[in-house]
């Protein structure tokens, strides 16, 4: 591909974190993976990425959250995203990335995926590569299942490994409080615990192809927070709480404080609380006063986009 124009200066792109409003998990497949049916919602906690021409591929990371565990080499998904775009457009130079993180690290909210999505857009713009949204989606899916959603934003149904996306209609906005923890959960461990729990003798039929409950999509279309609270579900919730029982205390505190629903988002350990309209800030204050790390946010918000 011929580069149309390499930009001077920096390109800045912002991408959102996400929660899983609904998450159904199929039975483990022969390859060890699980098909899922998820409803993602992008929420107003953001990652900002600045891309410039550099010597080699380098990254520096700051943030309003703890970034001490973020790798600064090719283990960083954003660095891999920069290399991916450069290969696709034929760029043989280097890229320097500056990342400012506002999504909690290792919290199951897709912060690393948002970094990667923002980098795909930023480097494509920086190099004048003219890769289409569909081409960036393909590159994102190669990096991780959550990257395509960080590109898309809004609310979407994800199937397969979670990267086959269909936008979902949403009316209005929903208010959330996210409680994060420093004692993380390994996603493979949570899936393994789900398999263990499901292996116990029961009469549950096999789950070949998971699906999204119609009530979730109906509540989102109606903008009805109370109806959504009754439809929210996450198959990984019992497994996460089995591995980290302290999550149950967090959920009980939030529900007592007035949350409409409380649940593990994805594989955790972040707990998402659906607040009544106008109630997120008060709920977050109550939980912070109880000693929890709580952030108020709303959704849906836009996916990765270039900022002036």
Protein backbone atom coordinates (compact mmCIF):
# COMPACT_ATOMS: atom_id res chain seq x y z
CA UNK A 1 0.00 0.00 0.00
CA UNK A 2 1.25 3.51 -0.81
CA UNK A 3 1.25 5.95 2.09
CA UNK A 4 -0.72 9.06 1.19
CA UNK A 5 0.88 11.39 3.76
CA UNK A 6 2.84 10.98 6.95
CA UNK A 7 1.62 13.53 9.51
CA UNK A 8 3.86 15.98 11.29
CA UNK A 9 3.50 16.21 15.05
CA UNK A 10 1.21 13.93 17.08
CA UNK A 11 -2.12 12.24 16.48
CA UNK A 12 -4.32 11.85 19.55
CA UNK A 13 -7.05 9.20 19.78
CA UNK A 14 -9.42 8.42 22.65
CA UNK A 15 -11.03 5.00 23.21
CA UNK A 16 -13.41 3.84 25.97
CA UNK A 17 -13.42 1.06 28.51
CA UNK A 18 -16.35 -1.34 28.56
CA UNK A 19 -18.55 -3.46 30.73
CA UNK A 20 -20.39 -6.65 29.87
CA UNK A 21 -24.07 -5.96 30.50
CA UNK A 22 -24.81 -9.59 29.63
CA UNK A 23 -22.45 -12.51 29.22
CA UNK A 24 -23.43 -16.06 28.27
CA UNK A 25 -20.72 -18.69 27.91
CA UNK A 26 -20.97 -21.89 25.90
CA UNK A 27 -19.40 -25.15 26.98
CA UNK A 28 -15.67 -25.60 26.52
CA UNK A 29 -14.72 -26.63 22.99
CA UNK A 30 -12.08 -29.18 21.94
CA UNK A 31 -9.61 -26.32 21.35
CA UNK A 32 -10.06 -25.18 24.95
CA UNK A 33 -11.99 -22.03 24.07
CA UNK A 34 -15.60 -21.07 24.76
CA UNK A 35 -18.07 -19.39 22.44
CA UNK A 36 -19.81 -16.45 24.07
CA UNK A 37 -22.82 -14.22 23.56
CA UNK A 38 -22.22 -10.84 25.14
CA UNK A 39 -23.72 -7.39 25.28
CA UNK A 40 -20.93 -4.85 25.55
CA UNK A 41 -21.46 -1.25 26.54
CA UNK A 42 -18.73 1.38 26.19
CA UNK A 43 -18.60 3.60 29.27
CA UNK A 44 -17.13 7.00 30.01
CA UNK A 45 -13.75 5.92 31.35
CA UNK A 46 -11.17 6.56 28.65
CA UNK A 47 -7.71 5.78 27.37
CA UNK A 48 -5.87 8.51 25.43
CA UNK A 49 -3.09 7.59 23.01
CA UNK A 50 -0.73 9.98 21.20
CA UNK A 51 1.28 8.58 18.29
CA UNK A 52 4.37 10.20 16.76
CA UNK A 53 7.13 9.10 14.42
CA UNK A 54 9.97 7.64 16.47
CA UNK A 55 13.09 5.53 16.54
CA UNK A 56 11.93 1.95 16.93
CA UNK A 57 8.71 1.11 18.79
CA UNK A 58 8.53 2.73 22.20
CA UNK A 59 5.80 3.54 24.71
CA UNK A 60 5.43 5.62 27.85
CA UNK A 61 2.43 5.28 30.15
CA UNK A 62 0.82 7.62 32.67
CA UNK A 63 -2.67 7.64 34.14
CA UNK A 64 -5.23 8.52 36.75
CA UNK A 65 -5.17 4.82 37.70
CA UNK A 66 -2.30 2.62 38.89
CA UNK A 67 -0.13 1.90 35.83
CA UNK A 68 2.77 0.20 37.61
CA UNK A 69 1.95 -3.18 36.09
CA UNK A 70 1.66 -2.00 32.47
CA UNK A 71 4.47 -3.46 30.28
CA UNK A 72 6.56 -1.08 28.19
CA UNK A 73 7.77 -3.56 25.57
CA UNK A 74 6.14 -5.80 22.94
CA UNK A 75 3.96 -7.38 25.62
CA UNK A 76 2.01 -4.11 25.52
CA UNK A 77 -0.96 -4.57 23.20
CA UNK A 78 -0.66 -0.99 21.92
CA UNK A 79 2.92 -1.58 20.75
CA UNK A 80 1.75 -4.68 18.91
CA UNK A 81 -1.09 -2.66 17.38
CA UNK A 82 1.37 -0.03 16.13
CA UNK A 83 3.52 -2.71 14.53
CA UNK A 84 0.42 -4.26 12.96
CA UNK A 85 -0.64 -1.05 11.22
CA UNK A 86 2.95 -0.33 10.12
CA UNK A 87 3.19 -3.75 8.46
CA UNK A 88 -0.19 -3.30 6.79
CA UNK A 89 0.73 0.05 5.23
CA UNK A 90 4.37 -0.64 4.48
CA UNK A 91 5.92 1.74 7.02
CA UNK A 92 9.53 0.83 7.80
CA UNK A 93 10.24 3.49 10.42
CA UNK A 94 9.37 3.54 14.10
CA UNK A 95 6.46 4.76 16.22
CA UNK A 96 6.45 6.32 19.67
CA UNK A 97 3.29 6.04 21.77
CA UNK A 98 2.20 8.03 24.80
CA UNK A 99 -0.69 6.47 26.71
CA UNK A 100 -2.72 8.11 29.46
CA UNK A 101 -4.90 5.52 31.17
CA UNK A 102 -8.25 6.22 32.79
CA UNK A 103 -9.53 2.63 32.72
CA UNK A 104 -8.47 0.49 35.70
CA UNK A 105 -5.68 -1.94 34.84
CA UNK A 106 -6.41 -5.70 34.98
CA UNK A 107 -10.01 -5.00 35.93
CA UNK A 108 -11.77 -6.75 33.07
CA UNK A 109 -12.86 -3.42 31.57
CA UNK A 110 -10.83 -3.68 28.38
CA UNK A 111 -8.28 -0.95 29.06
CA UNK A 112 -5.51 -2.72 27.17
CA UNK A 113 -7.89 -3.39 24.30
CA UNK A 114 -8.87 0.29 24.26
CA UNK A 115 -5.17 1.19 24.07
CA UNK A 116 -4.79 -1.12 21.10
CA UNK A 117 -7.88 0.24 19.35
CA UNK A 118 -6.78 3.83 19.88
CA UNK A 119 -3.32 2.96 18.56
CA UNK A 120 -4.71 1.33 15.43
CA UNK A 121 -6.65 4.50 14.61
CA UNK A 122 -3.84 6.86 15.63
CA UNK A 123 -1.06 5.15 13.67
CA UNK A 124 -3.28 4.75 10.62
CA UNK A 125 -3.99 8.49 10.72
CA UNK A 126 -0.37 9.37 11.49
CA UNK A 127 0.95 7.40 8.53
CA UNK A 128 -1.85 8.36 6.16
CA UNK A 129 -2.41 4.65 5.60
CA UNK A 130 -6.09 4.99 4.68
CA UNK A 131 -6.99 1.63 6.20
CA UNK A 132 -10.77 1.28 6.31
CA UNK A 133 -12.79 0.66 9.46
CA UNK A 134 -13.29 -2.93 8.30
CA UNK A 135 -9.54 -3.41 7.83
CA UNK A 136 -8.83 -1.98 11.28
CA UNK A 137 -11.47 -4.35 12.70
CA UNK A 138 -9.61 -7.32 11.21
CA UNK A 139 -6.30 -6.12 12.66
CA UNK A 140 -8.00 -5.57 16.01
CA UNK A 141 -9.49 -9.06 16.09
CA UNK A 142 -6.02 -10.50 15.54
CA UNK A 143 -4.82 -8.64 18.64
CA UNK A 144 -7.65 -9.62 20.99
CA UNK A 145 -11.36 -10.33 21.15
CA UNK A 146 -12.23 -7.01 22.87
CA UNK A 147 -10.29 -4.74 20.51
CA UNK A 148 -12.95 -4.58 17.76
CA UNK A 149 -15.55 -3.39 20.27
CA UNK A 150 -13.24 -0.63 21.52
CA UNK A 151 -13.06 0.53 17.89
CA UNK A 152 -16.84 0.43 17.52
CA UNK A 153 -18.03 1.70 20.89
CA UNK A 154 -21.67 2.27 21.78
CA UNK A 155 -23.50 -0.93 22.65
CA UNK A 156 -23.12 -4.15 20.70
CA UNK A 157 -23.82 -7.85 20.74
CA UNK A 158 -20.67 -9.92 20.50
CA UNK A 159 -20.72 -13.57 19.48
CA UNK A 160 -18.19 -16.26 18.59
CA UNK A 161 -15.11 -15.37 20.61
CA UNK A 162 -16.78 -12.00 21.26
CA UNK A 163 -15.34 -10.19 18.25
CA UNK A 164 -18.24 -10.80 15.84
CA UNK A 165 -20.16 -7.61 16.53
CA UNK A 166 -23.63 -6.30 15.76
CA UNK A 167 -24.60 -2.83 17.05
CA UNK A 168 -27.52 -2.79 19.49
CA UNK A 169 -30.13 -0.05 19.66
CA UNK A 170 -30.14 1.94 22.90
CA UNK A 171 -32.37 4.75 24.03
CA UNK A 172 -30.95 7.37 26.36
CA UNK A 173 -28.12 6.57 28.73
CA UNK A 174 -27.46 4.22 31.59
CA UNK A 175 -25.57 5.13 34.75
CA UNK A 176 -22.98 2.79 36.23
CA UNK A 177 -20.70 2.60 39.25
CA UNK A 178 -17.60 0.44 38.84
CA UNK A 179 -15.86 -0.94 41.91
CA UNK A 180 -12.31 -2.04 41.13
CA UNK A 181 -9.91 -4.14 43.16
CA UNK A 182 -6.17 -4.67 43.36
CA UNK A 183 -6.49 -8.44 43.82
CA UNK A 184 -7.03 -9.38 40.20
CA UNK A 185 -8.55 -12.50 38.72
CA UNK A 186 -6.98 -14.47 35.90
CA UNK A 187 -9.42 -14.81 33.01
CA UNK A 188 -8.26 -18.39 32.21
CA UNK A 189 -8.68 -19.28 35.89
CA UNK A 190 -12.25 -17.94 35.93
CA UNK A 191 -13.16 -19.93 32.82
CA UNK A 192 -11.53 -22.99 34.36
CA UNK A 193 -13.60 -22.55 37.52
CA UNK A 194 -16.74 -22.22 35.39
CA UNK A 195 -15.91 -25.53 33.70
CA UNK A 196 -15.31 -27.12 37.10
CA UNK A 197 -18.64 -25.88 38.48
CA UNK A 198 -20.45 -27.06 35.37
CA UNK A 199 -18.86 -30.52 35.63
CA UNK A 200 -20.71 -31.17 38.89
CA UNK A 201 -23.59 -33.64 38.45
CA UNK A 202 -26.76 -31.87 37.33
CA UNK A 203 -29.39 -32.05 34.64
CA UNK A 204 -28.17 -29.00 32.73
CA UNK A 205 -28.27 -29.59 28.97
CA UNK A 206 -25.10 -28.85 26.97
CA UNK A 207 -24.75 -25.26 25.78
CA UNK A 208 -23.76 -25.53 22.14
CA UNK A 209 -24.38 -21.94 21.01
CA UNK A 210 -24.94 -19.28 23.69
CA UNK A 211 -27.44 -16.51 22.95
CA UNK A 212 -28.36 -13.11 24.39
CA UNK A 213 -31.57 -12.98 26.41
CA UNK A 214 -34.20 -10.95 24.50
CA UNK A 215 -35.13 -9.03 27.66
CA UNK A 216 -31.72 -7.39 27.78
CA UNK A 217 -32.02 -5.97 24.28
CA UNK A 218 -35.62 -4.90 24.88
CA UNK A 219 -34.65 -3.00 28.05
CA UNK A 220 -31.79 -1.25 26.24
CA UNK A 221 -34.07 -0.25 23.35
CA UNK A 222 -36.60 1.13 25.82
CA UNK A 223 -33.99 2.94 27.92
CA UNK A 224 -35.52 1.20 30.94
CA UNK A 225 -32.95 0.84 33.72
CA UNK A 226 -35.30 -1.10 36.01
CA UNK A 227 -36.09 -3.64 33.30
CA UNK A 228 -32.40 -3.96 32.46
CA UNK A 229 -31.63 -4.64 36.12
CA UNK A 230 -33.93 -7.64 36.00
CA UNK A 231 -32.39 -9.02 32.80
CA UNK A 232 -28.66 -8.64 33.52
CA UNK A 233 -26.78 -11.96 33.76
CA UNK A 234 -23.21 -13.20 33.60
CA UNK A 235 -22.34 -16.90 33.44
CA UNK A 236 -18.86 -16.10 34.81
CA UNK A 237 -20.26 -14.40 37.92
CA UNK A 238 -20.52 -17.57 40.09
CA UNK A 239 -17.04 -18.68 39.05
CA UNK A 240 -15.47 -15.30 39.83
CA UNK A 241 -17.18 -15.18 43.24
CA UNK A 242 -16.12 -18.76 43.93
CA UNK A 243 -12.47 -17.79 43.39
CA UNK A 244 -12.79 -14.44 45.19
CA UNK A 245 -15.64 -14.63 47.74
CA UNK A 246 -14.99 -11.04 48.88
CA UNK A 247 -16.82 -9.93 45.72
CA UNK A 248 -20.08 -10.98 47.36
CA UNK A 249 -19.57 -8.42 50.13
CA UNK A 250 -19.05 -5.66 47.57
CA UNK A 251 -22.25 -6.58 45.76
CA UNK A 252 -24.24 -6.72 49.00
CA UNK A 253 -22.97 -3.25 49.99
CA UNK A 254 -23.91 -1.76 46.64
CA UNK A 255 -27.40 -3.24 46.60
CA UNK A 256 -27.98 -2.06 50.16
CA UNK A 257 -26.88 1.42 49.07
CA UNK A 258 -29.56 1.51 46.38
CA UNK A 259 -28.05 -0.01 43.24
CA UNK A 260 -30.63 -1.54 40.91
CA UNK A 261 -28.28 -4.45 40.12
CA UNK A 262 -24.76 -5.54 40.95
CA UNK A 263 -22.70 -8.12 39.09
CA UNK A 264 -19.22 -9.17 38.07
CA UNK A 265 -18.39 -7.58 34.72
CA UNK A 266 -16.90 -10.17 32.38
CA UNK A 267 -14.35 -12.29 34.22
CA UNK A 268 -13.90 -9.64 36.92
CA UNK A 269 -12.76 -8.61 39.37
CA UNK A 270 -14.54 -5.32 38.58
CA UNK A 271 -18.05 -5.16 39.98
CA UNK A 272 -20.55 -3.16 37.94
CA UNK A 273 -23.55 -1.57 39.61
CA UNK A 274 -26.46 -0.26 37.58
CA UNK A 275 -27.62 2.93 39.27
CA UNK A 276 -31.02 4.55 39.10
CA UNK A 277 -31.13 7.52 36.70
CA UNK A 278 -29.25 10.38 38.32
CA UNK A 279 -28.00 8.16 41.13
CA UNK A 280 -24.49 7.10 40.09
CA UNK A 281 -22.54 9.87 41.82
CA UNK A 282 -24.30 9.37 45.16
CA UNK A 283 -23.86 5.59 44.97
CA UNK A 284 -20.16 5.98 44.18
CA UNK A 285 -19.71 8.34 47.16
CA UNK A 286 -21.43 5.88 49.48
CA UNK A 287 -19.22 3.02 48.34
CA UNK A 288 -16.06 5.13 48.61
CA UNK A 289 -17.02 6.07 52.17
CA UNK A 290 -17.24 2.34 52.90
CA UNK A 291 -13.64 1.92 51.74
CA UNK A 292 -14.16 0.72 48.18
CA UNK A 293 -12.57 2.13 45.04
CA UNK A 294 -15.65 3.28 43.13
CA UNK A 295 -15.92 5.22 39.86
CA UNK A 296 -19.11 6.69 38.38
CA UNK A 297 -19.56 6.43 34.62
CA UNK A 298 -22.28 6.37 32.02
CA UNK A 299 -22.87 4.65 28.72
CA UNK A 300 -23.03 4.22 25.90
CA UNK A 301 -20.19 6.38 24.58
CA UNK A 302 -18.40 6.49 21.23
CA UNK A 303 -15.61 4.14 20.20
CA UNK A 304 -12.03 5.07 19.26
CA UNK A 305 -11.91 8.50 17.62
CA UNK A 306 -9.35 11.11 16.69
CA UNK A 307 -9.32 14.22 18.89
CA UNK A 308 -8.10 17.64 17.81
